[in-house]
Amino acid sequence: TFPINTEYIIEWGDGTADTLDNTTFDPATPVSHTYSTFGFYDISVTVTADGSVTCNTSTRTYTFYYGSNPAVGFNSNGNTVGLCAPATIDFPISNTDNNSDGTLYEVFVNGELIDVYNHPPPPNFTFTFQETSCDLVTANGLFTSAYDVRIRATNPCASTSLTVVPIEFSSPPIPMIDIAQPDLLCPDDPVVFTNATENIAEVDAGVCSASGLTQWSLSPNDGWQVVDGSLFNSDVIEVVFDSAGVYSITLTFNSAACGISTVTETFEILEPAVLDSVTIEPLTTNPI
């Protein structure tokens, strides 16, 4: 309807408007507008024609976004390695004040989407790591036996991503003692004690191992001797008990990340049977 149009009103969505006619708004004369603030704007164009048509006014609205890729800050307060699961870490989210409404924030842990926030995001992303990072690979493939946490801020223009990596967690060991003993625990019978600790997953600089320091102790302090192995850092020890009584053995397992854990087993060494006297009765037979 260009030949019969008489007026164009462009409302830019920021509280300003331009009123034009066919001499100032036509394909050869584009109209521009400068926005001072990033954000979404609804631009409406109302066209009025002369009285030769019955419905001489029409309005169309366009959605426009003015901005750039969003800003975002994401970090940790340190202390992301040498940790023991389960544990909770706060990751501060910052530098988002100038982002516009409509900015979306997605947080991933090892590539898995965990949380989504609309603008403005919370001050922290808080996550509890329940398990060891042993044998994991970060989403970017650069670190082994580690987690990574990534935030992605997105608006219609583009996105910005930041990653905290590596995050290493060991698992708390479960100390256990395996006792190999004779049917009857008597003095001078050797007893074998084995470190059967489970759930050992010690992560250090991307390497996962079943390592840790062990120490054995027996109570009381006398009445026994170690005949094979050592009380310090041996997984297997063999002990001979000199006298009967109730004893206990304690295994202490020291994990660099998870600290000290212990287990104690109690057992009894029996008194050997003593034959005080023997009476021999003569065998009596009846003659045939």
C-alpha atoms as a PDB file:
ATOM      1  CA  THR A   1       0.000   0.000   0.000  1.00  0.00           C
ATOM      2  CA  PHE A   2       2.999   2.293  -0.263  1.00  0.00           C
ATOM      3  CA  PRO A   3       1.438   4.712  -2.813  1.00  0.00           C
ATOM      4  CA  ILE A   4      -1.516   5.509  -0.524  1.00  0.00           C
ATOM      5  CA  ASN A   5       0.314   5.448   2.838  1.00  0.00           C
ATOM      6  CA  THR A   6       0.289   8.711   4.711  1.00  0.00           C
ATOM      7  CA  GLU A   7       2.025   7.973   8.000  1.00  0.00           C
ATOM      8  CA  TYR A   8       4.416   5.544   9.679  1.00  0.00           C
ATOM      9  CA  ILE A   9       4.929   5.427  13.423  1.00  0.00           C
ATOM     10  CA  ILE A  10       7.878   3.377  14.642  1.00  0.00           C
ATOM     11  CA  GLU A  11       7.935   2.697  18.388  1.00  0.00           C
ATOM     12  CA  TRP A  12      11.407   1.453  19.211  1.00  0.00           C
ATOM     13  CA  GLY A  13      10.503  -0.280  22.505  1.00  0.00           C
ATOM     14  CA  ASP A  14      12.701   1.921  24.660  1.00  0.00           C
ATOM     15  CA  GLY A  15      10.145   4.694  25.122  1.00  0.00           C
ATOM     16  CA  THR A  16      11.007   6.601  21.947  1.00  0.00           C
ATOM     17  CA  ALA A  17       9.167   6.778  18.607  1.00  0.00           C
ATOM     18  CA  ASP A  18       9.600   8.274  15.136  1.00  0.00           C
ATOM     19  CA  THR A  19       6.781   9.525  12.924  1.00  0.00           C
ATOM     20  CA  LEU A  20       7.531   9.357   9.184  1.00  0.00           C
ATOM     21  CA  ASP A  21       5.882   9.563   5.808  1.00  0.00           C
ATOM     22  CA  ASN A  22       6.653   8.301   2.311  1.00  0.00           C
ATOM     23  CA  THR A  23       9.394  10.887   1.845  1.00  0.00           C
ATOM     24  CA  THR A  24      11.333   9.846   4.923  1.00  0.00           C
ATOM     25  CA  PHE A  25      10.550   6.125   5.143  1.00  0.00           C
ATOM     26  CA  ASP A  26      10.902   4.209   1.919  1.00  0.00           C
ATOM     27  CA  PRO A  27      13.189   1.438   0.654  1.00  0.00           C
ATOM     28  CA  ALA A  28      15.770   3.979  -0.491  1.00  0.00           C
ATOM     29  CA  THR A  29      15.939   5.793   2.852  1.00  0.00           C
ATOM     30  CA  PRO A  30      16.498   3.386   5.781  1.00  0.00           C
ATOM     31  CA  VAL A  31      15.687   4.619   9.266  1.00  0.00           C
ATOM     32  CA  SER A  32      18.088   3.804  12.103  1.00  0.00           C
ATOM     33  CA  HIS A  33      17.902   4.009  15.856  1.00  0.00           C
ATOM     34  CA  THR A  34      20.584   3.820  18.582  1.00  0.00           C
ATOM     35  CA  TYR A  35      19.945   1.889  21.777  1.00  0.00           C
ATOM     36  CA  SER A  36      21.807   2.833  24.938  1.00  0.00           C
ATOM     37  CA  THR A  37      21.151  -0.338  26.946  1.00  0.00           C
ATOM     38  CA  PHE A  38      21.530  -4.011  26.115  1.00  0.00           C
ATOM     39  CA  GLY A  39      18.325  -6.002  26.174  1.00  0.00           C
ATOM     40  CA  PHE A  40      15.198  -7.225  24.378  1.00  0.00           C
ATOM     41  CA  TYR A  41      12.951  -4.671  22.671  1.00  0.00           C
ATOM     42  CA  ASP A  42       9.554  -4.936  20.971  1.00  0.00           C
ATOM     43  CA  ILE A  43       9.603  -2.692  17.899  1.00  0.00           C
ATOM     44  CA  SER A  44       6.138  -1.880  16.529  1.00  0.00           C
ATOM     45  CA  VAL A  45       5.470  -0.283  13.134  1.00  0.00           C
ATOM     46  CA  THR A  46       2.045   1.279  12.567  1.00  0.00           C
ATOM     47  CA  VAL A  47       1.100   2.236   8.998  1.00  0.00           C
ATOM     48  CA  THR A  48      -1.814   4.526   8.165  1.00  0.00           C
ATOM     49  CA  ALA A  49      -3.191   4.774   4.614  1.00  0.00           C
ATOM     50  CA  ASP A  50      -5.490   7.432   3.166  1.00  0.00           C
ATOM     51  CA  GLY A  51      -9.247   7.112   3.246  1.00  0.00           C
ATOM     52  CA  SER A  52      -9.455   5.130   0.013  1.00  0.00           C
ATOM     53  CA  VAL A  53      -9.331   1.886   1.971  1.00  0.00           C
ATOM     54  CA  THR A  54     -11.731   0.795   4.670  1.00  0.00           C
ATOM     55  CA  CYS A  55      -9.184  -0.621   7.120  1.00  0.00           C
ATOM     56  CA  ASN A  56      -6.547   2.025   6.791  1.00  0.00           C
ATOM     57  CA  THR A  57      -4.377   1.257   9.858  1.00  0.00           C
ATOM     58  CA  SER A  58      -2.158  -1.770  10.462  1.00  0.00           C
ATOM     59  CA  THR A  59       0.448  -2.575  13.128  1.00  0.00           C
ATOM     60  CA  ARG A  60       3.155  -5.225  13.195  1.00  0.00           C
ATOM     61  CA  THR A  61       5.536  -5.955  16.098  1.00  0.00           C
ATOM     62  CA  TYR A  62       9.078  -7.313  15.879  1.00  0.00           C
ATOM     63  CA  THR A  63      11.258  -8.618  18.688  1.00  0.00           C
ATOM     64  CA  PHE A  64      14.789  -7.231  18.655  1.00  0.00           C
ATOM     65  CA  TYR A  65      17.772  -8.050  20.856  1.00  0.00           C
ATOM     66  CA  TYR A  66      20.589  -5.582  21.312  1.00  0.00           C
ATOM     67  CA  GLY A  67      23.710  -6.990  22.924  1.00  0.00           C
ATOM     68  CA  SER A  68      26.902  -8.990  22.686  1.00  0.00           C
ATOM     69  CA  ASN A  69      27.964 -12.317  24.086  1.00  0.00           C
ATOM     70  CA  PRO A  70      27.232 -12.249  27.832  1.00  0.00           C
ATOM     71  CA  ALA A  71      29.831 -11.757  30.511  1.00  0.00           C
ATOM     72  CA  VAL A  72      30.293 -14.285  33.302  1.00  0.00           C
ATOM     73  CA  GLY A  73      32.871 -15.017  35.969  1.00  0.00           C
ATOM     74  CA  PHE A  74      33.233 -18.494  37.437  1.00  0.00           C
ATOM     75  CA  ASN A  75      35.877 -19.816  39.765  1.00  0.00           C
ATOM     76  CA  SER A  76      36.541 -21.698  42.976  1.00  0.00           C
ATOM     77  CA  ASN A  77      37.977 -20.584  46.266  1.00  0.00           C
ATOM     78  CA  GLY A  78      40.878 -22.971  45.750  1.00  0.00           C
ATOM     79  CA  ASN A  79      41.170 -26.315  47.482  1.00  0.00           C
ATOM     80  CA  THR A  80      39.926 -28.427  44.563  1.00  0.00           C
ATOM     81  CA  VAL A  81      42.506 -31.232  44.797  1.00  0.00           C
ATOM     82  CA  GLY A  82      43.387 -33.650  47.590  1.00  0.00           C
ATOM     83  CA  LEU A  83      39.740 -33.825  48.676  1.00  0.00           C
ATOM     84  CA  CYS A  84      37.757 -36.676  50.226  1.00  0.00           C
ATOM     85  CA  ALA A  85      34.261 -37.552  49.011  1.00  0.00           C
ATOM     86  CA  PRO A  86      31.585 -36.779  49.884  1.00  0.00           C
ATOM     87  CA  ALA A  87      32.174 -33.036  50.146  1.00  0.00           C
ATOM     88  CA  THR A  88      30.448 -29.831  49.055  1.00  0.00           C
ATOM     89  CA  ILE A  89      32.145 -27.013  47.112  1.00  0.00           C
ATOM     90  CA  ASP A  90      30.845 -23.507  46.340  1.00  0.00           C
ATOM     91  CA  PHE A  91      31.710 -22.033  42.933  1.00  0.00           C
ATOM     92  CA  PRO A  92      31.154 -18.221  42.927  1.00  0.00           C
ATOM     93  CA  ILE A  93      29.326 -16.775  39.890  1.00  0.00           C
ATOM     94  CA  SER A  94      30.272 -13.169  39.145  1.00  0.00           C
ATOM     95  CA  ASN A  95      30.521 -10.395  36.525  1.00  0.00           C
ATOM     96  CA  THR A  96      26.916 -10.773  35.361  1.00  0.00           C
ATOM     97  CA  ASP A  97      25.472  -7.398  36.451  1.00  0.00           C
ATOM     98  CA  ASN A  98      25.554  -5.919  32.942  1.00  0.00           C
ATOM     99  CA  ASN A  99      23.940  -8.918  31.263  1.00  0.00           C
ATOM    100  CA  SER A 100      20.413  -8.387  30.017  1.00  0.00           C
ATOM    101  CA  ASP A 101      17.242 -10.130  31.053  1.00  0.00           C
ATOM    102  CA  GLY A 102      16.847 -13.283  29.036  1.00  0.00           C
ATOM    103  CA  THR A 103      20.428 -14.405  29.595  1.00  0.00           C
ATOM    104  CA  LEU A 104      20.507 -18.099  30.473  1.00  0.00           C
ATOM    105  CA  TYR A 105      23.119 -19.735  32.697  1.00  0.00           C
ATOM    106  CA  GLU A 106      23.745 -23.489  32.471  1.00  0.00           C
ATOM    107  CA  VAL A 107      26.100 -25.378  34.789  1.00  0.00           C
ATOM    108  CA  PHE A 108      27.616 -28.750  33.847  1.00  0.00           C
ATOM    109  CA  VAL A 109      29.586 -31.294  35.909  1.00  0.00           C
ATOM    110  CA  ASN A 110      31.739 -33.489  33.667  1.00  0.00           C
ATOM    111  CA  GLY A 111      29.494 -32.626  30.745  1.00  0.00           C
ATOM    112  CA  GLU A 112      26.216 -33.405  32.537  1.00  0.00           C
ATOM    113  CA  LEU A 113      23.747 -30.521  32.851  1.00  0.00           C
ATOM    114  CA  ILE A 114      23.061 -29.979  36.569  1.00  0.00           C
ATOM    115  CA  ASP A 115      21.382 -26.553  36.929  1.00  0.00           C
ATOM    116  CA  VAL A 116      19.851 -23.827  34.740  1.00  0.00           C
ATOM    117  CA  TYR A 117      19.355 -20.234  35.946  1.00  0.00           C
ATOM    118  CA  ASN A 118      17.631 -17.262  34.391  1.00  0.00           C
ATOM    119  CA  HIS A 119      19.215 -13.851  34.798  1.00  0.00           C
ATOM    120  CA  PRO A 120      20.270 -12.908  37.397  1.00  0.00           C
ATOM    121  CA  PRO A 121      21.992 -16.104  38.534  1.00  0.00           C
ATOM    122  CA  PRO A 122      22.615 -16.972  42.214  1.00  0.00           C
ATOM    123  CA  PRO A 123      25.920 -15.832  43.749  1.00  0.00           C
ATOM    124  CA  ASN A 124      27.177 -19.434  43.937  1.00  0.00           C
ATOM    125  CA  PHE A 125      26.743 -22.782  42.285  1.00  0.00           C
ATOM    126  CA  THR A 126      26.888 -25.330  45.103  1.00  0.00           C
ATOM    127  CA  PHE A 127      27.488 -28.995  44.402  1.00  0.00           C
ATOM    128  CA  THR A 128      28.109 -32.052  46.565  1.00  0.00           C
ATOM    129  CA  PHE A 129      30.534 -34.568  45.072  1.00  0.00           C
ATOM    130  CA  GLN A 130      29.402 -37.946  46.356  1.00  0.00           C
ATOM    131  CA  GLU A 131      32.022 -40.241  44.850  1.00  0.00           C
ATOM    132  CA  THR A 132      35.702 -40.420  44.046  1.00  0.00           C
ATOM    133  CA  SER A 133      36.920 -38.953  40.767  1.00  0.00           C
ATOM    134  CA  CYS A 134      39.052 -42.065  40.243  1.00  0.00           C
ATOM    135  CA  ASP A 135      39.072 -43.170  36.555  1.00  0.00           C
ATOM    136  CA  LEU A 136      36.892 -40.258  35.411  1.00  0.00           C
ATOM    137  CA  VAL A 137      37.873 -38.130  32.409  1.00  0.00           C
ATOM    138  CA  THR A 138      36.932 -34.448  32.253  1.00  0.00           C
ATOM    139  CA  ALA A 139      34.553 -33.308  29.540  1.00  0.00           C
ATOM    140  CA  ASN A 140      37.354 -31.556  27.660  1.00  0.00           C
ATOM    141  CA  GLY A 141      39.447 -34.736  27.770  1.00  0.00           C
ATOM    142  CA  LEU A 142      42.462 -32.952  29.271  1.00  0.00           C
ATOM    143  CA  PHE A 143      42.438 -34.426  32.786  1.00  0.00           C
ATOM    144  CA  THR A 144      42.065 -37.957  34.147  1.00  0.00           C
ATOM    145  CA  SER A 145      40.689 -39.004  37.538  1.00  0.00           C
ATOM    146  CA  ALA A 146      39.143 -35.567  37.893  1.00  0.00           C
ATOM    147  CA  TYR A 147      35.856 -33.681  37.700  1.00  0.00           C
ATOM    148  CA  ASP A 148      35.317 -30.430  35.837  1.00  0.00           C
ATOM    149  CA  VAL A 149      32.574 -27.847  36.429  1.00  0.00           C
ATOM    150  CA  ARG A 150      31.591 -25.521  33.579  1.00  0.00           C
ATOM    151  CA  ILE A 151      29.204 -22.581  33.325  1.00  0.00           C
ATOM    152  CA  ARG A 152      27.780 -21.398  30.006  1.00  0.00           C
ATOM    153  CA  ALA A 153      26.049 -18.006  29.758  1.00  0.00           C
ATOM    154  CA  THR A 154      23.896 -17.635  26.631  1.00  0.00           C
ATOM    155  CA  ASN A 155      21.843 -14.876  25.001  1.00  0.00           C
ATOM    156  CA  PRO A 156      20.563 -14.504  21.408  1.00  0.00           C
ATOM    157  CA  CYS A 157      23.943 -13.211  20.251  1.00  0.00           C
ATOM    158  CA  ALA A 158      26.324 -15.849  21.525  1.00  0.00           C
ATOM    159  CA  SER A 159      27.546 -17.671  24.603  1.00  0.00           C
ATOM    160  CA  THR A 160      30.485 -17.505  27.000  1.00  0.00           C
ATOM    161  CA  SER A 161      31.880 -20.535  28.857  1.00  0.00           C
ATOM    162  CA  LEU A 162      34.277 -20.900  31.765  1.00  0.00           C
ATOM    163  CA  THR A 163      35.535 -24.110  33.388  1.00  0.00           C
ATOM    164  CA  VAL A 164      37.014 -24.983  36.770  1.00  0.00           C
ATOM    165  CA  VAL A 165      39.340 -27.979  36.426  1.00  0.00           C
ATOM    166  CA  PRO A 166      40.767 -30.265  37.806  1.00  0.00           C
ATOM    167  CA  ILE A 167      38.691 -31.222  40.848  1.00  0.00           C
ATOM    168  CA  GLU A 168      40.051 -34.373  42.476  1.00  0.00           C
ATOM    169  CA  PHE A 169      38.328 -36.533  45.082  1.00  0.00           C
ATOM    170  CA  SER A 170      39.535 -39.657  46.851  1.00  0.00           C
ATOM    171  CA  SER A 171      37.181 -42.072  48.586  1.00  0.00           C
ATOM    172  CA  PRO A 172      37.260 -42.855  52.322  1.00  0.00           C
ATOM    173  CA  PRO A 173      38.677 -46.372  52.812  1.00  0.00           C
ATOM    174  CA  ILE A 174      36.759 -49.005  54.775  1.00  0.00           C
ATOM    175  CA  PRO A 175      39.365 -50.746  56.967  1.00  0.00           C
ATOM    176  CA  MET A 176      38.956 -54.500  57.341  1.00  0.00           C
ATOM    177  CA  ILE A 177      41.088 -57.315  58.821  1.00  0.00           C
ATOM    178  CA  ASP A 178      41.105 -60.871  57.528  1.00  0.00           C
ATOM    179  CA  ILE A 179      42.279 -63.443  60.125  1.00  0.00           C
ATOM    180  CA  ALA A 180      43.619 -66.819  58.998  1.00  0.00           C
ATOM    181  CA  GLN A 181      43.749 -68.981  62.123  1.00  0.00           C
ATOM    182  CA  PRO A 182      43.984 -72.642  63.110  1.00  0.00           C
ATOM    183  CA  ASP A 183      40.834 -74.452  64.220  1.00  0.00           C
ATOM    184  CA  LEU A 184      41.927 -73.952  67.829  1.00  0.00           C
ATOM    185  CA  LEU A 185      43.845 -70.823  68.745  1.00  0.00           C
ATOM    186  CA  CYS A 186      46.503 -72.138  71.088  1.00  0.00           C
ATOM    187  CA  PRO A 187      49.828 -70.705  72.179  1.00  0.00           C
ATOM    188  CA  ASP A 188      52.622 -71.102  69.619  1.00  0.00           C
ATOM    189  CA  ASP A 189      50.097 -71.514  66.770  1.00  0.00           C
ATOM    190  CA  PRO A 190      50.898 -68.903  64.067  1.00  0.00           C
ATOM    191  CA  VAL A 191      48.029 -66.560  63.196  1.00  0.00           C
ATOM    192  CA  VAL A 192      48.062 -64.579  59.928  1.00  0.00           C
ATOM    193  CA  PHE A 193      46.451 -61.118  59.795  1.00  0.00           C
ATOM    194  CA  THR A 194      45.802 -59.540  56.383  1.00  0.00           C
ATOM    195  CA  ASN A 195      44.904 -55.965  55.524  1.00  0.00           C
ATOM    196  CA  ALA A 196      41.597 -56.450  53.663  1.00  0.00           C
ATOM    197  CA  THR A 197      40.693 -52.730  53.497  1.00  0.00           C
ATOM    198  CA  GLU A 198      38.124 -51.907  50.806  1.00  0.00           C
ATOM    199  CA  ASN A 199      37.103 -48.787  48.857  1.00  0.00           C
ATOM    200  CA  ILE A 200      40.645 -47.465  48.502  1.00  0.00           C
ATOM    201  CA  ALA A 201      40.750 -44.899  45.687  1.00  0.00           C
ATOM    202  CA  GLU A 202      43.479 -42.354  46.324  1.00  0.00           C
ATOM    203  CA  VAL A 203      43.745 -39.663  43.646  1.00  0.00           C
ATOM    204  CA  ASP A 204      46.909 -37.606  43.327  1.00  0.00           C
ATOM    205  CA  ALA A 205      47.792 -35.439  40.303  1.00  0.00           C
ATOM    206  CA  GLY A 206      45.476 -37.369  38.002  1.00  0.00           C
ATOM    207  CA  VAL A 207      46.655 -40.812  39.138  1.00  0.00           C
ATOM    208  CA  CYS A 208      44.311 -43.173  40.962  1.00  0.00           C
ATOM    209  CA  SER A 209      45.832 -45.807  43.219  1.00  0.00           C
ATOM    210  CA  ALA A 210      44.959 -48.180  46.059  1.00  0.00           C
ATOM    211  CA  SER A 211      47.674 -46.771  48.274  1.00  0.00           C
ATOM    212  CA  GLY A 212      47.832 -45.746  51.905  1.00  0.00           C
ATOM    213  CA  LEU A 213      49.950 -46.225  55.010  1.00  0.00           C
ATOM    214  CA  THR A 214      49.095 -49.089  57.377  1.00  0.00           C
ATOM    215  CA  GLN A 215      50.006 -49.698  60.991  1.00  0.00           C
ATOM    216  CA  TRP A 216      49.198 -52.682  63.206  1.00  0.00           C
ATOM    217  CA  SER A 217      48.959 -52.721  66.988  1.00  0.00           C
ATOM    218  CA  LEU A 218      48.143 -55.536  69.418  1.00  0.00           C
ATOM    219  CA  SER A 219      46.843 -55.410  72.950  1.00  0.00           C
ATOM    220  CA  PRO A 220      48.056 -56.263  75.515  1.00  0.00           C
ATOM    221  CA  ASN A 221      51.573 -55.227  74.645  1.00  0.00           C
ATOM    222  CA  ASP A 222      53.203 -58.509  75.586  1.00  0.00           C
ATOM    223  CA  GLY A 223      52.594 -62.229  75.214  1.00  0.00           C
ATOM    224  CA  TRP A 224      53.119 -62.267  71.443  1.00  0.00           C
ATOM    225  CA  GLN A 225      55.740 -61.786  68.748  1.00  0.00           C
ATOM    226  CA  VAL A 226      55.649 -60.954  65.032  1.00  0.00           C
ATOM    227  CA  VAL A 227      57.436 -63.712  63.127  1.00  0.00           C
ATOM    228  CA  ASP A 228      56.760 -62.445  59.597  1.00  0.00           C
ATOM    229  CA  GLY A 229      56.068 -58.965  58.282  1.00  0.00           C
ATOM    230  CA  SER A 230      56.173 -55.685  60.167  1.00  0.00           C
ATOM    231  CA  LEU A 231      53.769 -53.688  62.301  1.00  0.00           C
ATOM    232  CA  PHE A 232      54.453 -50.712  60.023  1.00  0.00           C
ATOM    233  CA  ASN A 233      53.232 -50.677  56.436  1.00  0.00           C
ATOM    234  CA  SER A 234      52.899 -54.437  55.920  1.00  0.00           C
ATOM    235  CA  ASP A 235      49.688 -55.757  54.417  1.00  0.00           C
ATOM    236  CA  VAL A 236      50.261 -59.215  55.956  1.00  0.00           C
ATOM    237  CA  ILE A 237      51.752 -60.098  59.340  1.00  0.00           C
ATOM    238  CA  GLU A 238      52.172 -63.460  61.071  1.00  0.00           C
ATOM    239  CA  VAL A 239      52.013 -63.508  64.859  1.00  0.00           C
ATOM    240  CA  VAL A 240      52.725 -66.221  67.425  1.00  0.00           C
ATOM    241  CA  PHE A 241      51.174 -65.851  70.883  1.00  0.00           C
ATOM    242  CA  ASP A 242      53.214 -67.090  73.842  1.00  0.00           C
ATOM    243  CA  SER A 243      50.387 -67.444  76.322  1.00  0.00           C
ATOM    244  CA  ALA A 244      46.642 -67.828  76.483  1.00  0.00           C
ATOM    245  CA  GLY A 245      44.359 -64.841  76.926  1.00  0.00           C
ATOM    246  CA  VAL A 246      42.073 -62.347  75.187  1.00  0.00           C
ATOM    247  CA  TYR A 247      43.856 -60.190  72.609  1.00  0.00           C
ATOM    248  CA  SER A 248      42.817 -57.462  70.204  1.00  0.00           C
ATOM    249  CA  ILE A 249      44.461 -56.304  67.013  1.00  0.00           C
ATOM    250  CA  THR A 250      43.936 -52.878  65.448  1.00  0.00           C
ATOM    251  CA  LEU A 251      44.609 -51.854  61.857  1.00  0.00           C
ATOM    252  CA  THR A 252      45.108 -48.141  61.232  1.00  0.00           C
ATOM    253  CA  PHE A 253      44.840 -47.018  57.606  1.00  0.00           C
ATOM    254  CA  ASN A 254      46.087 -43.524  56.757  1.00  0.00           C
ATOM    255  CA  SER A 255      44.755 -41.958  53.540  1.00  0.00           C
ATOM    256  CA  ALA A 256      46.486 -38.765  52.404  1.00  0.00           C
ATOM    257  CA  ALA A 257      43.142 -37.241  51.380  1.00  0.00           C
ATOM    258  CA  CYS A 258      40.665 -38.866  53.760  1.00  0.00           C
ATOM    259  CA  GLY A 259      42.724 -39.146  56.930  1.00  0.00           C
ATOM    260  CA  ILE A 260      42.944 -41.957  59.455  1.00  0.00           C
ATOM    261  CA  SER A 261      40.472 -44.816  59.864  1.00  0.00           C
ATOM    262  CA  THR A 262      40.758 -47.845  62.125  1.00  0.00           C
ATOM    263  CA  VAL A 263      39.250 -51.266  62.762  1.00  0.00           C
ATOM    264  CA  THR A 264      39.747 -53.587  65.753  1.00  0.00           C
ATOM    265  CA  GLU A 265      39.158 -57.334  66.053  1.00  0.00           C
ATOM    266  CA  THR A 266      39.167 -59.261  69.340  1.00  0.00           C
ATOM    267  CA  PHE A 267      39.990 -62.966  69.722  1.00  0.00           C
ATOM    268  CA  GLU A 268      41.024 -65.461  72.410  1.00  0.00           C
ATOM    269  CA  ILE A 269      44.056 -67.708  72.641  1.00  0.00           C
ATOM    270  CA  LEU A 270      43.019 -70.894  74.476  1.00  0.00           C
ATOM    271  CA  GLU A 271      44.828 -72.694  77.254  1.00  0.00           C
ATOM    272  CA  PRO A 272      46.246 -75.967  75.941  1.00  0.00           C
ATOM    273  CA  ALA A 273      44.722 -79.115  77.385  1.00  0.00           C
ATOM    274  CA  VAL A 274      46.758 -80.663  80.215  1.00  0.00           C
ATOM    275  CA  LEU A 275      46.729 -84.404  80.990  1.00  0.00           C
ATOM    276  CA  ASP A 276      47.168 -84.642  84.772  1.00  0.00           C
ATOM    277  CA  SER A 277      47.206 -88.445  85.185  1.00  0.00           C
ATOM    278  CA  VAL A 278      46.419 -91.678  83.408  1.00  0.00           C
ATOM    279  CA  THR A 279      45.011 -94.838  84.997  1.00  0.00           C
ATOM    280  CA  ILE A 280      45.553 -98.100  83.175  1.00  0.00           C
ATOM    281  CA  GLU A 281      43.241-100.956  84.021  1.00  0.00           C
ATOM    282  CA  PRO A 282      44.386-104.492  83.232  1.00  0.00           C
ATOM    283  CA  LEU A 283      42.438-106.303  80.571  1.00  0.00           C
ATOM    284  CA  THR A 284      40.529-109.245  82.013  1.00  0.00           C
ATOM    285  CA  THR A 285      39.466-112.113  79.788  1.00  0.00           C
ATOM    286  CA  ASN A 286      37.420-115.195  80.500  1.00  0.00           C
ATOM    287  CA  PRO A 287      38.883-118.513  79.399  1.00  0.00           C
ATOM    288  CA  ILE A 288      36.982-120.414  76.798  1.00  0.00           C
END
